[in-house]
Amino acid sequence: MDPLLSIKDVAHLTGLAVGTVYHLVSQGRIPVVRISRRCLRFRQSDLLLWFDGLTCEAKEPMENMRRQR
């Protein structure tokens, strides 16, 4: 069974403020499970996939950028 996390759990896991997590939910930018109108939970597996989607590869190593200056 995939654990369901609370807003506080997600804030702790991501390092974001609770208010920021609520803001992401209101914008539809983070996957959420609505238990009721006021009760939100997050599947841990959904969050891990969401993190993977946010990850970007570096375009150039910093050393190459310094040499170009």
PDB file of N, CA and C in Angstrom:
ATOM      1  N   MET A   1       0.852  -1.192   0.000  1.00  0.00           N
ATOM      2  CA  MET A   1       0.000   0.000   0.000  1.00  0.00           C
ATOM      3  C   MET A   1       0.885   1.238   0.000  1.00  0.00           C
ATOM      4  N   ASP A   2       0.560   2.168  -0.852  1.00  0.00           N
ATOM      5  CA  ASP A   2       1.302   3.412  -0.975  1.00  0.00           C
ATOM      6  C   ASP A   2       0.880   4.363   0.146  1.00  0.00           C
ATOM      7  N   PRO A   3       1.831   4.824   0.974  1.00  0.00           N
ATOM      8  CA  PRO A   3       1.442   5.709   2.084  1.00  0.00           C
ATOM      9  C   PRO A   3       0.896   7.045   1.609  1.00  0.00           C
ATOM     10  N   LEU A   4      -0.105   7.538   2.318  1.00  0.00           N
ATOM     11  CA  LEU A   4      -0.651   8.869   2.055  1.00  0.00           C
ATOM     12  C   LEU A   4      -0.016   9.849   3.032  1.00  0.00           C
ATOM     13  N   LEU A   5       0.465  10.956   2.504  1.00  0.00           N
ATOM     14  CA  LEU A   5       1.163  11.952   3.310  1.00  0.00           C
ATOM     15  C   LEU A   5       0.286  13.183   3.510  1.00  0.00           C
ATOM     16  N   SER A   6       0.461  13.840   4.639  1.00  0.00           N
ATOM     17  CA  SER A   6      -0.257  15.080   4.928  1.00  0.00           C
ATOM     18  C   SER A   6       0.501  16.264   4.320  1.00  0.00           C
ATOM     19  N   ILE A   7      -0.118  17.418   4.379  1.00  0.00           N
ATOM     20  CA  ILE A   7       0.532  18.657   3.912  1.00  0.00           C
ATOM     21  C   ILE A   7       1.844  18.868   4.664  1.00  0.00           C
ATOM     22  N   LYS A   8       1.831  18.671   5.963  1.00  0.00           N
ATOM     23  CA  LYS A   8       3.050  18.855   6.759  1.00  0.00           C
ATOM     24  C   LYS A   8       4.126  17.864   6.358  1.00  0.00           C
ATOM     25  N   ASP A   9       3.730  16.621   6.080  1.00  0.00           N
ATOM     26  CA  ASP A   9       4.695  15.616   5.631  1.00  0.00           C
ATOM     27  C   ASP A   9       5.353  16.045   4.318  1.00  0.00           C
ATOM     28  N   VAL A  10       4.535  16.530   3.391  1.00  0.00           N
ATOM     29  CA  VAL A  10       5.046  16.967   2.084  1.00  0.00           C
ATOM     30  C   VAL A  10       5.960  18.177   2.252  1.00  0.00           C
ATOM     31  N   ALA A  11       5.577  19.110   3.104  1.00  0.00           N
ATOM     32  CA  ALA A  11       6.412  20.289   3.352  1.00  0.00           C
ATOM     33  C   ALA A  11       7.767  19.859   3.913  1.00  0.00           C
ATOM     34  N   HIS A  12       7.752  18.921   4.833  1.00  0.00           N
ATOM     35  CA  HIS A  12       9.002  18.434   5.422  1.00  0.00           C
ATOM     36  C   HIS A  12       9.848  17.693   4.383  1.00  0.00           C
ATOM     37  N   LEU A  13       9.204  16.847   3.593  1.00  0.00           N
ATOM     38  CA  LEU A  13       9.899  16.057   2.581  1.00  0.00           C
ATOM     39  C   LEU A  13      10.538  16.943   1.515  1.00  0.00           C
ATOM     40  N   THR A  14       9.837  17.990   1.092  1.00  0.00           N
ATOM     41  CA  THR A  14      10.318  18.841   0.003  1.00  0.00           C
ATOM     42  C   THR A  14      11.159  20.017   0.480  1.00  0.00           C
ATOM     43  N   GLY A  15      11.033  20.368   1.762  1.00  0.00           N
ATOM     44  CA  GLY A  15      11.723  21.552   2.257  1.00  0.00           C
ATOM     45  C   GLY A  15      10.968  22.833   1.949  1.00  0.00           C
ATOM     46  N   LEU A  16       9.736  22.706   1.484  1.00  0.00           N
ATOM     47  CA  LEU A  16       8.892  23.861   1.183  1.00  0.00           C
ATOM     48  C   LEU A  16       8.063  24.231   2.402  1.00  0.00           C
ATOM     49  N   ALA A  17       7.609  25.467   2.443  1.00  0.00           N
ATOM     50  CA  ALA A  17       6.699  25.905   3.497  1.00  0.00           C
ATOM     51  C   ALA A  17       5.321  25.287   3.253  1.00  0.00           C
ATOM     52  N   VAL A  18       4.565  25.097   4.322  1.00  0.00           N
ATOM     53  CA  VAL A  18       3.206  24.553   4.212  1.00  0.00           C
ATOM     54  C   VAL A  18       2.367  25.420   3.274  1.00  0.00           C
ATOM     55  N   GLY A  19       2.495  26.724   3.389  1.00  0.00           N
ATOM     56  CA  GLY A  19       1.746  27.641   2.525  1.00  0.00           C
ATOM     57  C   GLY A  19       2.092  27.463   1.051  1.00  0.00           C
ATOM     58  N   THR A  20       3.350  27.169   0.770  1.00  0.00           N
ATOM     59  CA  THR A  20       3.773  26.938  -0.613  1.00  0.00           C
ATOM     60  C   THR A  20       3.144  25.666  -1.160  1.00  0.00           C
ATOM     61  N   VAL A  21       3.057  24.633  -0.337  1.00  0.00           N
ATOM     62  CA  VAL A  21       2.421  23.382  -0.770  1.00  0.00           C
ATOM     63  C   VAL A  21       0.942  23.648  -1.067  1.00  0.00           C
ATOM     64  N   TYR A  22       0.251  24.389  -0.205  1.00  0.00           N
ATOM     65  CA  TYR A  22      -1.148  24.751  -0.470  1.00  0.00           C
ATOM     66  C   TYR A  22      -1.262  25.532  -1.781  1.00  0.00           C
ATOM     67  N   HIS A  23      -0.315  26.419  -2.033  1.00  0.00           N
ATOM     68  CA  HIS A  23      -0.331  27.219  -3.258  1.00  0.00           C
ATOM     69  C   HIS A  23      -0.166  26.318  -4.489  1.00  0.00           C
ATOM     70  N   LEU A  24       0.748  25.358  -4.421  1.00  0.00           N
ATOM     71  CA  LEU A  24       0.934  24.415  -5.520  1.00  0.00           C
ATOM     72  C   LEU A  24      -0.326  23.593  -5.768  1.00  0.00           C
ATOM     73  N   VAL A  25      -1.009  23.209  -4.687  1.00  0.00           N
ATOM     74  CA  VAL A  25      -2.269  22.469  -4.817  1.00  0.00           C
ATOM     75  C   VAL A  25      -3.316  23.333  -5.504  1.00  0.00           C
ATOM     76  N   SER A  26      -3.446  24.589  -5.086  1.00  0.00           N
ATOM     77  CA  SER A  26      -4.474  25.465  -5.662  1.00  0.00           C
ATOM     78  C   SER A  26      -4.223  25.733  -7.138  1.00  0.00           C
ATOM     79  N   GLN A  27      -2.961  25.693  -7.556  1.00  0.00           N
ATOM     80  CA  GLN A  27      -2.612  25.902  -8.962  1.00  0.00           C
ATOM     81  C   GLN A  27      -2.651  24.606  -9.770  1.00  0.00           C
ATOM     82  N   GLY A  28      -2.850  23.478  -9.108  1.00  0.00           N
ATOM     83  CA  GLY A  28      -2.877  22.194  -9.796  1.00  0.00           C
ATOM     84  C   GLY A  28      -1.500  21.745 -10.261  1.00  0.00           C
ATOM     85  N   ARG A  29      -0.462  22.203  -9.583  1.00  0.00           N
ATOM     86  CA  ARG A  29       0.910  21.903  -9.994  1.00  0.00           C
ATOM     87  C   ARG A  29       1.530  20.732  -9.252  1.00  0.00           C
ATOM     88  N   ILE A  30       0.810  20.156  -8.282  1.00  0.00           N
ATOM     89  CA  ILE A  30       1.319  19.026  -7.515  1.00  0.00           C
ATOM     90  C   ILE A  30       0.199  17.985  -7.432  1.00  0.00           C
ATOM     91  N   PRO A  31       0.529  16.696  -7.585  1.00  0.00           N
ATOM     92  CA  PRO A  31      -0.517  15.670  -7.532  1.00  0.00           C
ATOM     93  C   PRO A  31      -1.069  15.515  -6.110  1.00  0.00           C
ATOM     94  N   VAL A  32      -2.382  15.481  -6.009  1.00  0.00           N
ATOM     95  CA  VAL A  32      -3.038  15.452  -4.702  1.00  0.00           C
ATOM     96  C   VAL A  32      -4.210  14.481  -4.717  1.00  0.00           C
ATOM     97  N   VAL A  33      -4.505  13.896  -3.560  1.00  0.00           N
ATOM     98  CA  VAL A  33      -5.686  13.047  -3.366  1.00  0.00           C
ATOM     99  C   VAL A  33      -6.624  13.831  -2.465  1.00  0.00           C
ATOM    100  N   ARG A  34      -7.810  14.134  -2.960  1.00  0.00           N
ATOM    101  CA  ARG A  34      -8.793  14.878  -2.159  1.00  0.00           C
ATOM    102  C   ARG A  34      -9.702  13.876  -1.459  1.00  0.00           C
ATOM    103  N   ILE A  35      -9.482  13.707  -0.164  1.00  0.00           N
ATOM    104  CA  ILE A  35     -10.302  12.794   0.639  1.00  0.00           C
ATOM    105  C   ILE A  35     -11.687  13.401   0.832  1.00  0.00           C
ATOM    106  N   SER A  36     -11.720  14.694   1.089  1.00  0.00           N
ATOM    107  CA  SER A  36     -12.961  15.460   1.190  1.00  0.00           C
ATOM    108  C   SER A  36     -12.631  16.884   0.754  1.00  0.00           C
ATOM    109  N   ARG A  37     -13.580  17.767   0.886  1.00  0.00           N
ATOM    110  CA  ARG A  37     -13.359  19.154   0.458  1.00  0.00           C
ATOM    111  C   ARG A  37     -12.187  19.800   1.192  1.00  0.00           C
ATOM    112  N   ARG A  38     -12.007  19.452   2.455  1.00  0.00           N
ATOM    113  CA  ARG A  38     -10.965  20.086   3.266  1.00  0.00           C
ATOM    114  C   ARG A  38      -9.793  19.181   3.607  1.00  0.00           C
ATOM    115  N   CYS A  39      -9.877  17.907   3.245  1.00  0.00           N
ATOM    116  CA  CYS A  39      -8.830  16.953   3.615  1.00  0.00           C
ATOM    117  C   CYS A  39      -8.032  16.547   2.378  1.00  0.00           C
ATOM    118  N   LEU A  40      -6.763  16.913   2.360  1.00  0.00           N
ATOM    119  CA  LEU A  40      -5.873  16.603   1.254  1.00  0.00           C
ATOM    120  C   LEU A  40      -4.801  15.619   1.709  1.00  0.00           C
ATOM    121  N   ARG A  41      -4.485  14.690   0.852  1.00  0.00           N
ATOM    122  CA  ARG A  41      -3.382  13.770   1.101  1.00  0.00           C
ATOM    123  C   ARG A  41      -2.606  13.610  -0.198  1.00  0.00           C
ATOM    124  N   PHE A  42      -1.400  13.114  -0.075  1.00  0.00           N
ATOM    125  CA  PHE A  42      -0.505  12.975  -1.214  1.00  0.00           C
ATOM    126  C   PHE A  42       0.074  11.571  -1.215  1.00  0.00           C
ATOM    127  N   ARG A  43       0.018  10.889  -2.367  1.00  0.00           N
ATOM    128  CA  ARG A  43       0.638   9.576  -2.490  1.00  0.00           C
ATOM    129  C   ARG A  43       2.141   9.767  -2.638  1.00  0.00           C
ATOM    130  N   GLN A  44       2.890   9.031  -1.865  1.00  0.00           N
ATOM    131  CA  GLN A  44       4.339   9.150  -1.910  1.00  0.00           C
ATOM    132  C   GLN A  44       4.865   8.838  -3.316  1.00  0.00           C
ATOM    133  N   SER A  45       4.316   7.825  -3.966  1.00  0.00           N
ATOM    134  CA  SER A  45       4.774   7.452  -5.311  1.00  0.00           C
ATOM    135  C   SER A  45       4.488   8.563  -6.326  1.00  0.00           C
ATOM    136  N   ASP A  46       3.339   9.244  -6.186  1.00  0.00           N
ATOM    137  CA  ASP A  46       3.018  10.376  -7.073  1.00  0.00           C
ATOM    138  C   ASP A  46       4.021  11.505  -6.896  1.00  0.00           C
ATOM    139  N   LEU A  47       4.399  11.766  -5.649  1.00  0.00           N
ATOM    140  CA  LEU A  47       5.362  12.834  -5.388  1.00  0.00           C
ATOM    141  C   LEU A  47       6.729  12.514  -5.971  1.00  0.00           C
ATOM    142  N   LEU A  48       7.153  11.254  -5.881  1.00  0.00           N
ATOM    143  CA  LEU A  48       8.445  10.865  -6.448  1.00  0.00           C
ATOM    144  C   LEU A  48       8.451  11.036  -7.964  1.00  0.00           C
ATOM    145  N   LEU A  49       7.360  10.681  -8.620  1.00  0.00           N
ATOM    146  CA  LEU A  49       7.249  10.899 -10.065  1.00  0.00           C
ATOM    147  C   LEU A  49       7.226  12.388 -10.397  1.00  0.00           C
ATOM    148  N   TRP A  50       6.548  13.171  -9.567  1.00  0.00           N
ATOM    149  CA  TRP A  50       6.483  14.621  -9.747  1.00  0.00           C
ATOM    150  C   TRP A  50       7.889  15.211  -9.637  1.00  0.00           C
ATOM    151  N   PHE A  51       8.660  14.762  -8.642  1.00  0.00           N
ATOM    152  CA  PHE A  51      10.046  15.230  -8.498  1.00  0.00           C
ATOM    153  C   PHE A  51      10.856  14.908  -9.745  1.00  0.00           C
ATOM    154  N   ASP A  52      10.698  13.692 -10.254  1.00  0.00           N
ATOM    155  CA  ASP A  52      11.433  13.294 -11.451  1.00  0.00           C
ATOM    156  C   ASP A  52      11.095  14.203 -12.632  1.00  0.00           C
ATOM    157  N   GLY A  53       9.846  14.608 -12.736  1.00  0.00           N
ATOM    158  CA  GLY A  53       9.431  15.499 -13.817  1.00  0.00           C
ATOM    159  C   GLY A  53       9.985  16.903 -13.681  1.00  0.00           C
ATOM    160  N   LEU A  54      10.346  17.300 -12.487  1.00  0.00           N
ATOM    161  CA  LEU A  54      10.898  18.637 -12.258  1.00  0.00           C
ATOM    162  C   LEU A  54      12.409  18.695 -12.448  1.00  0.00           C
ATOM    163  N   THR A  55      13.049  17.538 -12.484  1.00  0.00           N
ATOM    164  CA  THR A  55      14.500  17.494 -12.557  1.00  0.00           C
ATOM    165  C   THR A  55      14.977  17.872 -13.954  1.00  0.00           C
ATOM    166  N   CYS A  56      15.948  18.772 -14.007  1.00  0.00           N
ATOM    167  CA  CYS A  56      16.541  19.209 -15.271  1.00  0.00           C
ATOM    168  C   CYS A  56      18.022  18.871 -15.266  1.00  0.00           C
ATOM    169  N   GLU A  57      18.516  18.466 -16.408  1.00  0.00           N
ATOM    170  CA  GLU A  57      19.943  18.210 -16.549  1.00  0.00           C
ATOM    171  C   GLU A  57      20.662  19.534 -16.786  1.00  0.00           C
ATOM    172  N   ALA A  58      21.882  19.638 -16.284  1.00  0.00           N
ATOM    173  CA  ALA A  58      22.693  20.828 -16.516  1.00  0.00           C
ATOM    174  C   ALA A  58      23.066  20.881 -17.989  1.00  0.00           C
ATOM    175  N   LYS A  59      23.034  22.077 -18.576  1.00  0.00           N
ATOM    176  CA  LYS A  59      23.366  22.233 -19.987  1.00  0.00           C
ATOM    177  C   LYS A  59      24.861  22.218 -20.214  1.00  0.00           C
ATOM    178  N   GLU A  60      25.596  22.898 -19.352  1.00  0.00           N
ATOM    179  CA  GLU A  60      27.047  22.948 -19.474  1.00  0.00           C
ATOM    180  C   GLU A  60      27.660  22.919 -18.086  1.00  0.00           C
ATOM    181  N   PRO A  61      28.781  22.259 -17.954  1.00  0.00           N
ATOM    182  CA  PRO A  61      29.478  22.307 -16.663  1.00  0.00           C
ATOM    183  C   PRO A  61      29.919  23.731 -16.359  1.00  0.00           C
ATOM    184  N   MET A  62      29.959  24.068 -15.099  1.00  0.00           N
ATOM    185  CA  MET A  62      30.348  25.416 -14.686  1.00  0.00           C
ATOM    186  C   MET A  62      31.733  25.790 -15.179  1.00  0.00           C
ATOM    187  N   GLU A  63      32.654  24.834 -15.282  1.00  0.00           N
ATOM    188  CA  GLU A  63      34.001  25.152 -15.733  1.00  0.00           C
ATOM    189  C   GLU A  63      34.013  25.687 -17.150  1.00  0.00           C
ATOM    190  N   ASN A  64      33.173  25.115 -18.032  1.00  0.00           N
ATOM    191  CA  ASN A  64      33.088  25.599 -19.408  1.00  0.00           C
ATOM    192  C   ASN A  64      32.557  27.019 -19.455  1.00  0.00           C
ATOM    193  N   MET A  65      31.637  27.345 -18.576  1.00  0.00           N
ATOM    194  CA  MET A  65      31.058  28.684 -18.545  1.00  0.00           C
ATOM    195  C   MET A  65      32.116  29.698 -18.094  1.00  0.00           C
ATOM    196  N   ARG A  66      32.946  29.312 -17.160  1.00  0.00           N
ATOM    197  CA  ARG A  66      33.986  30.217 -16.667  1.00  0.00           C
ATOM    198  C   ARG A  66      35.044  30.489 -17.733  1.00  0.00           C
ATOM    199  N   ARG A  67      35.377  29.477 -18.520  1.00  0.00           N
ATOM    200  CA  ARG A  67      36.388  29.637 -19.575  1.00  0.00           C
ATOM    201  C   ARG A  67      35.921  30.590 -20.673  1.00  0.00           C
ATOM    202  N   GLN A  68      34.619  30.647 -20.919  1.00  0.00           N
ATOM    203  CA  GLN A  68      34.085  31.481 -21.998  1.00  0.00           C
ATOM    204  C   GLN A  68      34.138  32.955 -21.652  1.00  0.00           C
ATOM    205  N   ARG A  69      34.258  33.298 -20.410  1.00  0.00           N
ATOM    206  CA  ARG A  69      34.258  34.711 -20.010  1.00  0.00           C
ATOM    207  C   ARG A  69      35.503  35.366 -20.387  1.00  0.00           C
TER     208      ARG A  69
END
